[in-house]
Amino acid sequence: MPSKHSRTPAMLESPLTTEQVCKLLGVSRTTLFRMKEDGSAPPYYNTGGRAWFEEAEVRAWFNALRVVPTASVDEIRAALARQASPRRTNPFRRTASK
């Protein structure tokens, strides 16, 4: 199996450039470079000083970020209703006397 640094774009099924990945993920080049530096970027291949991404790998990486709520919609609504504070009244407000 070739190392990730020896693959060329011709060997990739659907190679994407850095610019294409930025557009696909909705992030800037700077953000993607920071992600590459801290190891949180999608898998990529370095060839000739350029980073290449496999489209399927980027999509799989992105789908792995998906968060699935564990509570039902009704449970979430009930929790939000419990957190809602009652409407406060002004203690200095005059009320009509009978």
Protein backbone atom coordinates (compact mmCIF):
# COMPACT_ATOMS: atom_id res chain seq x y z
CA MET A 1 0.00 0.00 0.00
CA PRO A 2 1.49 3.35 -0.97
CA SER A 3 2.12 5.89 1.76
CA LYS A 4 -0.09 8.95 1.92
CA HIS A 5 2.77 11.11 0.65
CA SER A 6 3.51 9.06 -2.48
CA ARG A 7 0.07 9.17 -4.11
CA THR A 8 -0.47 11.47 -7.03
CA PRO A 9 -3.75 13.06 -8.10
CA ALA A 10 -3.94 10.61 -11.01
CA MET A 11 -4.14 7.75 -8.49
CA LEU A 12 -7.07 9.34 -6.66
CA GLU A 13 -10.61 8.62 -7.82
CA SER A 14 -11.93 12.13 -7.19
CA PRO A 15 -9.04 14.42 -6.25
CA LEU A 16 -9.90 17.76 -4.69
CA THR A 17 -7.65 20.78 -4.30
CA THR A 18 -7.39 22.82 -1.13
CA GLU A 19 -9.63 25.45 -2.69
CA GLN A 20 -12.30 22.87 -3.56
CA VAL A 21 -12.26 21.42 -0.04
CA CYS A 22 -12.56 24.91 1.45
CA LYS A 23 -15.61 25.56 -0.70
CA LEU A 24 -17.10 22.14 0.10
CA LEU A 25 -16.67 22.61 3.87
CA GLY A 26 -17.42 26.33 3.90
CA VAL A 27 -14.12 27.31 5.55
CA SER A 28 -11.31 29.66 4.58
CA ARG A 29 -7.87 28.53 3.41
CA THR A 30 -6.43 29.82 6.68
CA THR A 31 -8.85 27.68 8.69
CA LEU A 32 -8.05 24.59 6.62
CA PHE A 33 -4.29 25.17 7.04
CA ARG A 34 -4.75 25.53 10.80
CA MET A 35 -6.77 22.33 10.83
CA LYS A 36 -3.96 20.56 8.95
CA GLU A 37 -1.41 21.86 11.46
CA ASP A 38 -3.37 20.70 14.53
CA GLY A 39 -4.38 17.38 12.97
CA SER A 40 -8.13 18.05 12.77
CA ALA A 41 -8.32 18.33 8.96
CA PRO A 42 -9.74 15.64 6.69
CA PRO A 43 -7.16 13.11 5.41
CA TYR A 44 -4.95 14.49 2.65
CA TYR A 45 -1.98 13.59 0.46
CA ASN A 46 1.10 15.77 -0.12
CA THR A 47 2.59 15.68 -3.61
CA GLY A 48 4.89 18.27 -5.05
CA GLY A 49 4.28 20.66 -2.17
CA ARG A 50 0.50 20.57 -2.67
CA ALA A 51 -2.21 18.97 -0.59
CA TRP A 52 -4.73 16.76 -2.37
CA PHE A 53 -7.89 15.39 -0.84
CA GLU A 54 -9.98 12.38 -1.87
CA GLU A 55 -13.61 13.51 -2.12
CA ALA A 56 -15.00 10.33 -0.53
CA GLU A 57 -12.58 10.67 2.39
CA VAL A 58 -13.55 14.32 2.95
CA ARG A 59 -17.25 13.42 2.91
CA ALA A 60 -16.69 10.50 5.31
CA TRP A 61 -14.67 12.75 7.63
CA PHE A 62 -17.41 15.39 7.55
CA ASN A 63 -20.18 12.84 8.20
CA ALA A 64 -18.24 11.55 11.22
CA LEU A 65 -18.59 15.04 12.77
CA ARG A 66 -22.37 14.74 12.79
CA VAL A 67 -23.94 14.95 16.25
CA VAL A 68 -27.14 13.01 16.80
CA PRO A 69 -29.28 14.20 19.70
CA THR A 70 -30.10 11.50 22.23
CA ALA A 71 -33.30 13.16 23.45
CA SER A 72 -36.58 13.32 21.59
CA VAL A 73 -38.06 16.62 20.46
CA ASP A 74 -40.70 16.39 23.21
CA GLU A 75 -38.00 15.85 25.87
CA ILE A 76 -36.05 18.85 24.60
CA ARG A 77 -39.16 21.05 24.62
CA ALA A 78 -40.01 19.95 28.17
CA ALA A 79 -36.46 20.73 29.34
CA LEU A 80 -36.59 24.16 27.73
CA ALA A 81 -39.96 24.87 29.32
CA ARG A 82 -38.54 23.96 32.75
CA GLN A 83 -35.64 26.35 32.21
CA ALA A 84 -37.84 29.25 31.15
CA SER A 85 -38.18 31.71 33.98
CA PRO A 86 -41.63 33.03 34.83
CA ARG A 87 -42.38 36.54 33.71
CA ARG A 88 -41.32 38.98 36.37
CA THR A 89 -43.64 41.68 37.58
CA ASN A 90 -42.58 45.13 38.64
CA PRO A 91 -43.04 45.42 42.45
CA PHE A 92 -43.32 49.24 42.13
CA ARG A 93 -46.09 49.15 39.58
CA ARG A 94 -49.35 50.57 40.89
CA THR A 95 -52.36 48.40 40.59
CA ALA A 96 -55.87 49.68 40.27
CA SER A 97 -57.63 49.81 43.63
CA LYS A 98 -61.16 48.53 43.96
